[in-house]
Amino acid sequence: INHGSNSSINVIYSGTMSAAVEAGTEGIPAIGFSLLDYSLNADFKPT
């Protein structure tokens, strides 16, 4: 789960989403997950 947003235009810069897209090109269903919190202490439990 990425630290920070990959919404809107950010998707084209995102390494998180590019990994998912790479899987998609190989015929593998794929999902990229991102949390809108850039902190290293981000709380991922609610996700």
ModelCIF file with pLDDT and N, C-alpha, C, O atoms, coordinates in Angstrom:
data_MODEL
#
_entry.id   MODEL 
#
_entity.id                         1 
_entity.type                       polymer 
_entity.pdbx_number_of_molecules   1 
#
_entity_poly.entity_id                      1 
_entity_poly.type                           'polypeptide(L)' 
_entity_poly.nstd_linkage                   no 
_entity_poly.nstd_monomer                   no 
_entity_poly.pdbx_seq_one_letter_code       INHGSNSSINVIYSGTMSAAVEAGTEGIPAIGFSLLDYSLNADFKPT 
_entity_poly.pdbx_seq_one_letter_code_can   INHGSNSSINVIYSGTMSAAVEAGTEGIPAIGFSLLDYSLNADFKPT 
_entity_poly.pdbx_strand_id                 A 
#
loop_
_entity_poly_seq.entity_id 
_entity_poly_seq.num 
_entity_poly_seq.mon_id 
_entity_poly_seq.hetero 
1 1  ILE n 
1 2  ASN n 
1 3  HIS n 
1 4  GLY n 
1 5  SER n 
1 6  ASN n 
1 7  SER n 
1 8  SER n 
1 9  ILE n 
1 10 ASN n 
1 11 VAL n 
1 12 ILE n 
1 13 TYR n 
1 14 SER n 
1 15 GLY n 
1 16 THR n 
1 17 MET n 
1 18 SER n 
1 19 ALA n 
1 20 ALA n 
1 21 VAL n 
1 22 GLU n 
1 23 ALA n 
1 24 GLY n 
1 25 THR n 
1 26 GLU n 
1 27 GLY n 
1 28 ILE n 
1 29 PRO n 
1 30 ALA n 
1 31 ILE n 
1 32 GLY n 
1 33 PHE n 
1 34 SER n 
1 35 LEU n 
1 36 LEU n 
1 37 ASP n 
1 38 TYR n 
1 39 SER n 
1 40 LEU n 
1 41 ASN n 
1 42 ALA n 
1 43 ASP n 
1 44 PHE n 
1 45 LYS n 
1 46 PRO n 
1 47 THR n 
#
_struct_asym.id          A 
_struct_asym.entity_id   1 
#
loop_
_ma_qa_metric.id 
_ma_qa_metric.mode 
_ma_qa_metric.name 
_ma_qa_metric.software_group_id 
_ma_qa_metric.type 
1 global pLDDT . pLDDT 
2 local  pLDDT . pLDDT 
#
_ma_qa_metric_global.metric_id      1 
_ma_qa_metric_global.metric_value   94.81 
_ma_qa_metric_global.model_id       1 
_ma_qa_metric_global.ordinal_id     1 
#
loop_
_ma_qa_metric_local.label_asym_id 
_ma_qa_metric_local.label_comp_id 
_ma_qa_metric_local.label_seq_id 
_ma_qa_metric_local.metric_id 
_ma_qa_metric_local.metric_value 
_ma_qa_metric_local.model_id 
_ma_qa_metric_local.ordinal_id 
A ILE 1  2 97.00 1 1  
A ASN 2  2 96.00 1 2  
A HIS 3  2 94.00 1 3  
A GLY 4  2 94.00 1 4  
A SER 5  2 94.00 1 5  
A ASN 6  2 95.00 1 6  
A SER 7  2 95.00 1 7  
A SER 8  2 93.00 1 8  
A ILE 9  2 92.00 1 9  
A ASN 10 2 92.00 1 10 
A VAL 11 2 93.00 1 11 
A ILE 12 2 92.00 1 12 
A TYR 13 2 91.00 1 13 
A SER 14 2 94.00 1 14 
A GLY 15 2 94.00 1 15 
A THR 16 2 96.00 1 16 
A MET 17 2 96.00 1 17 
A SER 18 2 96.00 1 18 
A ALA 19 2 97.00 1 19 
A ALA 20 2 97.00 1 20 
A VAL 21 2 97.00 1 21 
A GLU 22 2 97.00 1 22 
A ALA 23 2 97.00 1 23 
A GLY 24 2 97.00 1 24 
A THR 25 2 96.00 1 25 
A GLU 26 2 95.00 1 26 
A GLY 27 2 96.00 1 27 
A ILE 28 2 97.00 1 28 
A PRO 29 2 98.00 1 29 
A ALA 30 2 98.00 1 30 
A ILE 31 2 98.00 1 31 
A GLY 32 2 98.00 1 32 
A PHE 33 2 98.00 1 33 
A SER 34 2 98.00 1 34 
A LEU 35 2 98.00 1 35 
A LEU 36 2 97.00 1 36 
A ASP 37 2 95.00 1 37 
A TYR 38 2 89.00 1 38 
A SER 39 2 87.00 1 39 
A LEU 40 2 80.00 1 40 
A ASN 41 2 89.00 1 41 
A ALA 42 2 94.00 1 42 
A ASP 43 2 95.00 1 43 
A PHE 44 2 96.00 1 44 
A LYS 45 2 96.00 1 45 
A PRO 46 2 96.00 1 46 
A THR 47 2 96.00 1 47 
#
loop_
_atom_site.group_PDB 
_atom_site.id 
_atom_site.type_symbol 
_atom_site.label_atom_id 
_atom_site.label_alt_id 
_atom_site.label_comp_id 
_atom_site.label_asym_id 
_atom_site.label_entity_id 
_atom_site.label_seq_id 
_atom_site.pdbx_PDB_ins_code 
_atom_site.Cartn_x 
_atom_site.Cartn_y 
_atom_site.Cartn_z 
_atom_site.occupancy 
_atom_site.B_iso_or_equiv 
_atom_site.pdbx_formal_charge 
_atom_site.auth_seq_id 
_atom_site.auth_comp_id 
_atom_site.auth_asym_id 
_atom_site.auth_atom_id 
_atom_site.pdbx_PDB_model_num 
ATOM 1   N N  . ILE A 1 1  ? 0.862  -1.174  0.000   1.00 97.00 ? 1  ILE A N  1 
ATOM 2   C CA . ILE A 1 1  ? 0.000  0.000   0.000   1.00 97.00 ? 1  ILE A CA 1 
ATOM 3   C C  . ILE A 1 1  ? 0.903  1.231   0.000   1.00 97.00 ? 1  ILE A C  1 
ATOM 4   O O  . ILE A 1 1  ? 1.745  1.391   0.884   1.00 97.00 ? 1  ILE A O  1 
ATOM 5   N N  . ASN A 1 2  ? 0.724  2.094   -0.992  1.00 96.00 ? 2  ASN A N  1 
ATOM 6   C CA . ASN A 1 2  ? 1.621  3.223   -1.175  1.00 96.00 ? 2  ASN A CA 1 
ATOM 7   C C  . ASN A 1 2  ? 1.427  4.287   -0.098  1.00 96.00 ? 2  ASN A C  1 
ATOM 8   O O  . ASN A 1 2  ? 0.313  4.521   0.372   1.00 96.00 ? 2  ASN A O  1 
ATOM 9   N N  . HIS A 1 3  ? 2.532  4.926   0.283   1.00 94.00 ? 3  HIS A N  1 
ATOM 10  C CA . HIS A 1 3  ? 2.472  6.096   1.158   1.00 94.00 ? 3  HIS A CA 1 
ATOM 11  C C  . HIS A 1 3  ? 2.179  7.316   0.293   1.00 94.00 ? 3  HIS A C  1 
ATOM 12  O O  . HIS A 1 3  ? 3.094  7.847   -0.337  1.00 94.00 ? 3  HIS A O  1 
ATOM 13  N N  . GLY A 1 4  ? 0.939  7.772   0.244   1.00 94.00 ? 4  GLY A N  1 
ATOM 14  C CA . GLY A 1 4  ? 0.589  8.949   -0.538  1.00 94.00 ? 4  GLY A CA 1 
ATOM 15  C C  . GLY A 1 4  ? -0.328 8.632   -1.701  1.00 94.00 ? 4  GLY A C  1 
ATOM 16  O O  . GLY A 1 4  ? -0.466 7.478   -2.105  1.00 94.00 ? 4  GLY A O  1 
ATOM 17  N N  . SER A 1 5  ? -0.950 9.662   -2.231  1.00 94.00 ? 5  SER A N  1 
ATOM 18  C CA . SER A 1 5  ? -1.971 9.524   -3.256  1.00 94.00 ? 5  SER A CA 1 
ATOM 19  C C  . SER A 1 5  ? -1.412 9.109   -4.612  1.00 94.00 ? 5  SER A C  1 
ATOM 20  O O  . SER A 1 5  ? -0.330 9.533   -5.019  1.00 94.00 ? 5  SER A O  1 
ATOM 21  N N  . ASN A 1 6  ? -2.175 8.274   -5.293  1.00 95.00 ? 6  ASN A N  1 
ATOM 22  C CA . ASN A 1 6  ? -1.943 7.979   -6.708  1.00 95.00 ? 6  ASN A CA 1 
ATOM 23  C C  . ASN A 1 6  ? -3.224 8.215   -7.497  1.00 95.00 ? 6  ASN A C  1 
ATOM 24  O O  . ASN A 1 6  ? -3.491 7.526   -8.482  1.00 95.00 ? 6  ASN A O  1 
ATOM 25  N N  . SER A 1 7  ? -4.014 9.192   -7.059  1.00 95.00 ? 7  SER A N  1 
ATOM 26  C CA . SER A 1 7  ? -5.249 9.538   -7.750  1.00 95.00 ? 7  SER A CA 1 
ATOM 27  C C  . SER A 1 7  ? -4.958 10.485  -8.907  1.00 95.00 ? 7  SER A C  1 
ATOM 28  O O  . SER A 1 7  ? -3.874 11.061  -8.998  1.00 95.00 ? 7  SER A O  1 
ATOM 29  N N  . SER A 1 8  ? -5.931 10.635  -9.778  1.00 93.00 ? 8  SER A N  1 
ATOM 30  C CA . SER A 1 8  ? -5.878 11.580  -10.882 1.00 93.00 ? 8  SER A CA 1 
ATOM 31  C C  . SER A 1 8  ? -4.595 11.427  -11.703 1.00 93.00 ? 8  SER A C  1 
ATOM 32  O O  . SER A 1 8  ? -4.197 10.309  -12.030 1.00 93.00 ? 8  SER A O  1 
ATOM 33  N N  . ILE A 1 9  ? -3.944 12.553  -12.039 1.00 92.00 ? 9  ILE A N  1 
ATOM 34  C CA . ILE A 1 9  ? -2.756 12.563  -12.909 1.00 92.00 ? 9  ILE A CA 1 
ATOM 35  C C  . ILE A 1 9  ? -1.586 11.793  -12.302 1.00 92.00 ? 9  ILE A C  1 
ATOM 36  O O  . ILE A 1 9  ? -0.687 11.363  -13.023 1.00 92.00 ? 9  ILE A O  1 
ATOM 37  N N  . ASN A 1 10 ? -1.593 11.616  -10.975 1.00 92.00 ? 10 ASN A N  1 
ATOM 38  C CA . ASN A 1 10 ? -0.488 10.949  -10.298 1.00 92.00 ? 10 ASN A CA 1 
ATOM 39  C C  . ASN A 1 10 ? -0.291 9.517   -10.768 1.00 92.00 ? 10 ASN A C  1 
ATOM 40  O O  . ASN A 1 10 ? 0.790  8.951   -10.605 1.00 92.00 ? 10 ASN A O  1 
ATOM 41  N N  . VAL A 1 11 ? -1.330 8.928   -11.350 1.00 93.00 ? 11 VAL A N  1 
ATOM 42  C CA . VAL A 1 11 ? -1.240 7.541   -11.778 1.00 93.00 ? 11 VAL A CA 1 
ATOM 43  C C  . VAL A 1 11 ? -0.141 7.331   -12.817 1.00 93.00 ? 11 VAL A C  1 
ATOM 44  O O  . VAL A 1 11 ? 0.449  6.252   -12.878 1.00 93.00 ? 11 VAL A O  1 
ATOM 45  N N  . ILE A 1 12 ? 0.143  8.356   -13.643 1.00 92.00 ? 12 ILE A N  1 
ATOM 46  C CA . ILE A 1 12 ? 1.130  8.155   -14.703 1.00 92.00 ? 12 ILE A CA 1 
ATOM 47  C C  . ILE A 1 12 ? 2.569  8.201   -14.187 1.00 92.00 ? 12 ILE A C  1 
ATOM 48  O O  . ILE A 1 12 ? 3.483  7.711   -14.850 1.00 92.00 ? 12 ILE A O  1 
ATOM 49  N N  . TYR A 1 13 ? 2.769  8.791   -13.005 1.00 91.00 ? 13 TYR A N  1 
ATOM 50  C CA . TYR A 1 13 ? 4.106  8.858   -12.420 1.00 91.00 ? 13 TYR A CA 1 
ATOM 51  C C  . TYR A 1 13 ? 4.369  7.710   -11.453 1.00 91.00 ? 13 TYR A C  1 
ATOM 52  O O  . TYR A 1 13 ? 5.514  7.452   -11.081 1.00 91.00 ? 13 TYR A O  1 
ATOM 53  N N  . SER A 1 14 ? 3.327  7.036   -11.057 1.00 94.00 ? 14 SER A N  1 
ATOM 54  C CA . SER A 1 14 ? 3.377  6.104   -9.935  1.00 94.00 ? 14 SER A CA 1 
ATOM 55  C C  . SER A 1 14 ? 4.086  4.791   -10.226 1.00 94.00 ? 14 SER A C  1 
ATOM 56  O O  . SER A 1 14 ? 3.741  4.085   -11.173 1.00 94.00 ? 14 SER A O  1 
ATOM 57  N N  . GLY A 1 15 ? 5.073  4.472   -9.412  1.00 94.00 ? 15 GLY A N  1 
ATOM 58  C CA . GLY A 1 15 ? 5.688  3.150   -9.482  1.00 94.00 ? 15 GLY A CA 1 
ATOM 59  C C  . GLY A 1 15 ? 4.737  2.077   -8.984  1.00 94.00 ? 15 GLY A C  1 
ATOM 60  O O  . GLY A 1 15 ? 4.731  0.959   -9.499  1.00 94.00 ? 15 GLY A O  1 
ATOM 61  N N  . THR A 1 16 ? 3.932  2.415   -7.983  1.00 96.00 ? 16 THR A N  1 
ATOM 62  C CA . THR A 1 16 ? 2.932  1.479   -7.460  1.00 96.00 ? 16 THR A CA 1 
ATOM 63  C C  . THR A 1 16 ? 1.995  1.021   -8.566  1.00 96.00 ? 16 THR A C  1 
ATOM 64  O O  . THR A 1 16 ? 1.787  -0.177  -8.760  1.00 96.00 ? 16 THR A O  1 
ATOM 65  N N  . MET A 1 17 ? 1.432  1.979   -9.288  1.00 96.00 ? 17 MET A N  1 
ATOM 66  C CA . MET A 1 17 ? 0.490  1.633   -10.341 1.00 96.00 ? 17 MET A CA 1 
ATOM 67  C C  . MET A 1 17 ? 1.183  1.017   -11.556 1.00 96.00 ? 17 MET A C  1 
ATOM 68  O O  . MET A 1 17 ? 0.586  0.192   -12.248 1.00 96.00 ? 17 MET A O  1 
ATOM 69  N N  . SER A 1 18 ? 2.412  1.396   -11.824 1.00 96.00 ? 18 SER A N  1 
ATOM 70  C CA . SER A 1 18 ? 3.125  0.807   -12.954 1.00 96.00 ? 18 SER A CA 1 
ATOM 71  C C  . SER A 1 18 ? 3.383  -0.676  -12.736 1.00 96.00 ? 18 SER A C  1 
ATOM 72  O O  . SER A 1 18 ? 3.377  -1.454  -13.690 1.00 96.00 ? 18 SER A O  1 
ATOM 73  N N  . ALA A 1 19 ? 3.610  -1.072  -11.489 1.00 97.00 ? 19 ALA A N  1 
ATOM 74  C CA . ALA A 1 19 ? 3.746  -2.500  -11.198 1.00 97.00 ? 19 ALA A CA 1 
ATOM 75  C C  . ALA A 1 19 ? 2.449  -3.227  -11.515 1.00 97.00 ? 19 ALA A C  1 
ATOM 76  O O  . ALA A 1 19 ? 2.466  -4.307  -12.104 1.00 97.00 ? 19 ALA A O  1 
ATOM 77  N N  . ALA A 1 20 ? 1.319  -2.632  -11.122 1.00 97.00 ? 20 ALA A N  1 
ATOM 78  C CA . ALA A 1 20 ? 0.022  -3.245  -11.421 1.00 97.00 ? 20 ALA A CA 1 
ATOM 79  C C  . ALA A 1 20 ? -0.222 -3.292  -12.922 1.00 97.00 ? 20 ALA A C  1 
ATOM 80  O O  . ALA A 1 20 ? -0.701 -4.298  -13.445 1.00 97.00 ? 20 ALA A O  1 
ATOM 81  N N  . VAL A 1 21 ? 0.107  -2.204  -13.615 1.00 97.00 ? 21 VAL A N  1 
ATOM 82  C CA . VAL A 1 21 ? -0.078 -2.164  -15.068 1.00 97.00 ? 21 VAL A CA 1 
ATOM 83  C C  . VAL A 1 21 ? 0.801  -3.200  -15.761 1.00 97.00 ? 21 VAL A C  1 
ATOM 84  O O  . VAL A 1 21 ? 0.366  -3.848  -16.714 1.00 97.00 ? 21 VAL A O  1 
ATOM 85  N N  . GLU A 1 22 ? 2.030  -3.358  -15.287 1.00 97.00 ? 22 GLU A N  1 
ATOM 86  C CA . GLU A 1 22 ? 2.921  -4.371  -15.865 1.00 97.00 ? 22 GLU A CA 1 
ATOM 87  C C  . GLU A 1 22 ? 2.299  -5.758  -15.739 1.00 97.00 ? 22 GLU A C  1 
ATOM 88  O O  . GLU A 1 22 ? 2.343  -6.551  -16.679 1.00 97.00 ? 22 GLU A O  1 
ATOM 89  N N  . ALA A 1 23 ? 1.719  -6.047  -14.578 1.00 97.00 ? 23 ALA A N  1 
ATOM 90  C CA . ALA A 1 23 ? 1.033  -7.334  -14.415 1.00 97.00 ? 23 ALA A CA 1 
ATOM 91  C C  . ALA A 1 23 ? -0.125 -7.443  -15.391 1.00 97.00 ? 23 ALA A C  1 
ATOM 92  O O  . ALA A 1 23 ? -0.353 -8.498  -15.984 1.00 97.00 ? 23 ALA A O  1 
ATOM 93  N N  . GLY A 1 24 ? -0.858 -6.345  -15.554 1.00 97.00 ? 24 GLY A N  1 
ATOM 94  C CA . GLY A 1 24 ? -1.980 -6.356  -16.483 1.00 97.00 ? 24 GLY A CA 1 
ATOM 95  C C  . GLY A 1 24 ? -1.568 -6.651  -17.905 1.00 97.00 ? 24 GLY A C  1 
ATOM 96  O O  . GLY A 1 24 ? -2.288 -7.339  -18.628 1.00 97.00 ? 24 GLY A O  1 
ATOM 97  N N  . THR A 1 25 ? -0.411 -6.138  -18.325 1.00 96.00 ? 25 THR A N  1 
ATOM 98  C CA . THR A 1 25 ? 0.063  -6.410  -19.682 1.00 96.00 ? 25 THR A CA 1 
ATOM 99  C C  . THR A 1 25 ? 0.375  -7.884  -19.873 1.00 96.00 ? 25 THR A C  1 
ATOM 100 O O  . THR A 1 25 ? 0.388  -8.378  -21.001 1.00 96.00 ? 25 THR A O  1 
ATOM 101 N N  . GLU A 1 26 ? 0.628  -8.586  -18.780 1.00 95.00 ? 26 GLU A N  1 
ATOM 102 C CA . GLU A 1 26 ? 0.918  -10.018 -18.839 1.00 95.00 ? 26 GLU A CA 1 
ATOM 103 C C  . GLU A 1 26 ? -0.329 -10.863 -18.615 1.00 95.00 ? 26 GLU A C  1 
ATOM 104 O O  . GLU A 1 26 ? -0.240 -12.079 -18.444 1.00 95.00 ? 26 GLU A O  1 
ATOM 105 N N  . GLY A 1 27 ? -1.492 -10.214 -18.615 1.00 96.00 ? 27 GLY A N  1 
ATOM 106 C CA . GLY A 1 27 ? -2.747 -10.941 -18.476 1.00 96.00 ? 27 GLY A CA 1 
ATOM 107 C C  . GLY A 1 27 ? -3.089 -11.330 -17.061 1.00 96.00 ? 27 GLY A C  1 
ATOM 108 O O  . GLY A 1 27 ? -3.889 -12.240 -16.846 1.00 96.00 ? 27 GLY A O  1 
ATOM 109 N N  . ILE A 1 28 ? -2.494 -10.652 -16.078 1.00 97.00 ? 28 ILE A N  1 
ATOM 110 C CA . ILE A 1 28 ? -2.731 -10.954 -14.663 1.00 97.00 ? 28 ILE A CA 1 
ATOM 111 C C  . ILE A 1 28 ? -3.645 -9.876  -14.082 1.00 97.00 ? 28 ILE A C  1 
ATOM 112 O O  . ILE A 1 28 ? -3.308 -8.696  -14.178 1.00 97.00 ? 28 ILE A O  1 
ATOM 113 N N  . PRO A 1 29 ? -4.776 -10.223 -13.489 1.00 98.00 ? 29 PRO A N  1 
ATOM 114 C CA . PRO A 1 29 ? -5.582 -9.219  -12.803 1.00 98.00 ? 29 PRO A CA 1 
ATOM 115 C C  . PRO A 1 29 ? -4.731 -8.513  -11.749 1.00 98.00 ? 29 PRO A C  1 
ATOM 116 O O  . PRO A 1 29 ? -3.953 -9.155  -11.043 1.00 98.00 ? 29 PRO A O  1 
ATOM 117 N N  . ALA A 1 30 ? -4.880 -7.200  -11.644 1.00 98.00 ? 30 ALA A N  1 
ATOM 118 C CA . ALA A 1 30 ? -3.982 -6.460  -10.760 1.00 98.00 ? 30 ALA A CA 1 
ATOM 119 C C  . ALA A 1 30 ? -4.670 -5.257  -10.141 1.00 98.00 ? 30 ALA A C  1 
ATOM 120 O O  . ALA A 1 30 ? -5.586 -4.671  -10.719 1.00 98.00 ? 30 ALA A O  1 
ATOM 121 N N  . ILE A 1 31 ? -4.198 -4.900  -8.934  1.00 98.00 ? 31 ILE A N  1 
ATOM 122 C CA . ILE A 1 31 ? -4.734 -3.765  -8.190  1.00 98.00 ? 31 ILE A CA 1 
ATOM 123 C C  . ILE A 1 31 ? -3.566 -3.000  -7.572  1.00 98.00 ? 31 ILE A C  1 
ATOM 124 O O  . ILE A 1 31 ? -2.648 -3.599  -7.013  1.00 98.00 ? 31 ILE A O  1 
ATOM 125 N N  . GLY A 1 32 ? -3.608 -1.673  -7.678  1.00 98.00 ? 32 GLY A N  1 
ATOM 126 C CA . GLY A 1 32 ? -2.680 -0.825  -6.948  1.00 98.00 ? 32 GLY A CA 1 
ATOM 127 C C  . GLY A 1 32 ? -3.415 -0.134  -5.816  1.00 98.00 ? 32 GLY A C  1 
ATOM 128 O O  . GLY A 1 32 ? -4.477 0.450   -6.033  1.00 98.00 ? 32 GLY A O  1 
ATOM 129 N N  . PHE A 1 33 ? -2.860 -0.193  -4.601  1.00 98.00 ? 33 PHE A N  1 
ATOM 130 C CA . PHE A 1 33 ? -3.487 0.420   -3.427  1.00 98.00 ? 33 PHE A CA 1 
ATOM 131 C C  . PHE A 1 33 ? -2.612 1.566   -2.916  1.00 98.00 ? 33 PHE A C  1 
ATOM 132 O O  . PHE A 1 33 ? -1.390 1.436   -2.838  1.00 98.00 ? 33 PHE A O  1 
ATOM 133 N N  . SER A 1 34 ? -3.247 2.686   -2.569  1.00 98.00 ? 34 SER A N  1 
ATOM 134 C CA . SER A 1 34 ? -2.524 3.839   -2.035  1.00 98.00 ? 34 SER A CA 1 
ATOM 135 C C  . SER A 1 34 ? -3.329 4.474   -0.902  1.00 98.00 ? 34 SER A C  1 
ATOM 136 O O  . SER A 1 34 ? -4.556 4.558   -0.960  1.00 98.00 ? 34 SER A O  1 
ATOM 137 N N  . LEU A 1 35 ? -2.610 4.918   0.127   1.00 98.00 ? 35 LEU A N  1 
ATOM 138 C CA . LEU A 1 35 ? -3.213 5.618   1.261   1.00 98.00 ? 35 LEU A CA 1 
ATOM 139 C C  . LEU A 1 35 ? -2.782 7.076   1.225   1.00 98.00 ? 35 LEU A C  1 
ATOM 140 O O  . LEU A 1 35 ? -1.604 7.369   1.026   1.00 98.00 ? 35 LEU A O  1 
ATOM 141 N N  . LEU A 1 36 ? -3.723 7.989   1.416   1.00 97.00 ? 36 LEU A N  1 
ATOM 142 C CA . LEU A 1 36 ? -3.424 9.419   1.332   1.00 97.00 ? 36 LEU A CA 1 
ATOM 143 C C  . LEU A 1 36 ? -2.716 9.911   2.597   1.00 97.00 ? 36 LEU A C  1 
ATOM 144 O O  . LEU A 1 36 ? -3.194 10.806  3.293   1.00 97.00 ? 36 LEU A O  1 
ATOM 145 N N  . ASP A 1 37 ? -1.569 9.300   2.869   1.00 95.00 ? 37 ASP A N  1 
ATOM 146 C CA . ASP A 1 37 ? -0.764 9.684   4.032   1.00 95.00 ? 37 ASP A CA 1 
ATOM 147 C C  . ASP A 1 37 ? 0.700  9.423   3.692   1.00 95.00 ? 37 ASP A C  1 
ATOM 148 O O  . ASP A 1 37 ? 1.103  8.275   3.500   1.00 95.00 ? 37 ASP A O  1 
ATOM 149 N N  . TYR A 1 38 ? 1.496  10.493  3.619   1.00 89.00 ? 38 TYR A N  1 
ATOM 150 C CA . TYR A 1 38 ? 2.897  10.362  3.240   1.00 89.00 ? 38 TYR A CA 1 
ATOM 151 C C  . TYR A 1 38 ? 3.810  10.048  4.428   1.00 89.00 ? 38 TYR A C  1 
ATOM 152 O O  . TYR A 1 38 ? 5.001  9.797   4.244   1.00 89.00 ? 38 TYR A O  1 
ATOM 153 N N  . SER A 1 39 ? 3.266  10.061  5.625   1.00 87.00 ? 39 SER A N  1 
ATOM 154 C CA . SER A 1 39 ? 4.080  9.863   6.818   1.00 87.00 ? 39 SER A CA 1 
ATOM 155 C C  . SER A 1 39 ? 4.599  8.431   6.916   1.00 87.00 ? 39 SER A C  1 
ATOM 156 O O  . SER A 1 39 ? 3.885  7.479   6.600   1.00 87.00 ? 39 SER A O  1 
ATOM 157 N N  . LEU A 1 40 ? 5.845  8.292   7.355   1.00 80.00 ? 40 LEU A N  1 
ATOM 158 C CA . LEU A 1 40 ? 6.390  6.957   7.598   1.00 80.00 ? 40 LEU A CA 1 
ATOM 159 C C  . LEU A 1 40 ? 5.665  6.274   8.752   1.00 80.00 ? 40 LEU A C  1 
ATOM 160 O O  . LEU A 1 40 ? 5.731  5.053   8.898   1.00 80.00 ? 40 LEU A O  1 
ATOM 161 N N  . ASN A 1 41 ? 4.977  7.062   9.567   1.00 89.00 ? 41 ASN A N  1 
ATOM 162 C CA . ASN A 1 41 ? 4.204  6.518   10.687  1.00 89.00 ? 41 ASN A CA 1 
ATOM 163 C C  . ASN A 1 41 ? 2.724  6.393   10.349  1.00 89.00 ? 41 ASN A C  1 
ATOM 164 O O  . ASN A 1 41 ? 1.884  6.331   11.247  1.00 89.00 ? 41 ASN A O  1 
ATOM 165 N N  . ALA A 1 42 ? 2.403  6.356   9.067   1.00 94.00 ? 42 ALA A N  1 
ATOM 166 C CA . ALA A 1 42 ? 1.007  6.253   8.635   1.00 94.00 ? 42 ALA A CA 1 
ATOM 167 C C  . ALA A 1 42 ? 0.340  5.019   9.244   1.00 94.00 ? 42 ALA A C  1 
ATOM 168 O O  . ALA A 1 42 ? 0.966  3.969   9.396   1.00 94.00 ? 42 ALA A O  1 
ATOM 169 N N  . ASP A 1 43 ? -0.925 5.162   9.584   1.00 95.00 ? 43 ASP A N  1 
ATOM 170 C CA . ASP A 1 43 ? -1.702 4.065   10.158  1.00 95.00 ? 43 ASP A CA 1 
ATOM 171 C C  . ASP A 1 43 ? -2.442 3.337   9.030   1.00 95.00 ? 43 ASP A C  1 
ATOM 172 O O  . ASP A 1 43 ? -3.386 3.871   8.447   1.00 95.00 ? 43 ASP A O  1 
ATOM 173 N N  . PHE A 1 44 ? -2.004 2.125   8.738   1.00 96.00 ? 44 PHE A N  1 
ATOM 174 C CA . PHE A 1 44 ? -2.609 1.355   7.655   1.00 96.00 ? 44 PHE A CA 1 
ATOM 175 C C  . PHE A 1 44 ? -3.744 0.441   8.134   1.00 96.00 ? 44 PHE A C  1 
ATOM 176 O O  . PHE A 1 44 ? -4.412 -0.187  7.313   1.00 96.00 ? 44 PHE A O  1 
ATOM 177 N N  . LYS A 1 45 ? -3.964 0.360   9.429   1.00 96.00 ? 45 LYS A N  1 
ATOM 178 C CA . LYS A 1 45 ? -4.990 -0.547  9.937   1.00 96.00 ? 45 LYS A CA 1 
ATOM 179 C C  . LYS A 1 45 ? -6.376 -0.259  9.369   1.00 96.00 ? 45 LYS A C  1 
ATOM 180 O O  . LYS A 1 45 ? -7.091 -1.201  9.027   1.00 96.00 ? 45 LYS A O  1 
ATOM 181 N N  . PRO A 1 46 ? -6.788 1.017   9.253   1.00 96.00 ? 46 PRO A N  1 
ATOM 182 C CA . PRO A 1 46 ? -8.133 1.278   8.708   1.00 96.00 ? 46 PRO A CA 1 
ATOM 183 C C  . PRO A 1 46 ? -8.315 0.836   7.256   1.00 96.00 ? 46 PRO A C  1 
ATOM 184 O O  . PRO A 1 46 ? -9.448 0.729   6.785   1.00 96.00 ? 46 PRO A O  1 
ATOM 185 N N  . THR A 1 47 ? -7.222 0.578   6.544   1.00 96.00 ? 47 THR A N  1 
ATOM 186 C CA . THR A 1 47 ? -7.336 0.180   5.140   1.00 96.00 ? 47 THR A CA 1 
ATOM 187 C C  . THR A 1 47 ? -7.660 -1.297  4.974   1.00 96.00 ? 47 THR A C  1 
ATOM 188 O O  . THR A 1 47 ? -7.787 -1.779  3.848   1.00 96.00 ? 47 THR A O  1 
#
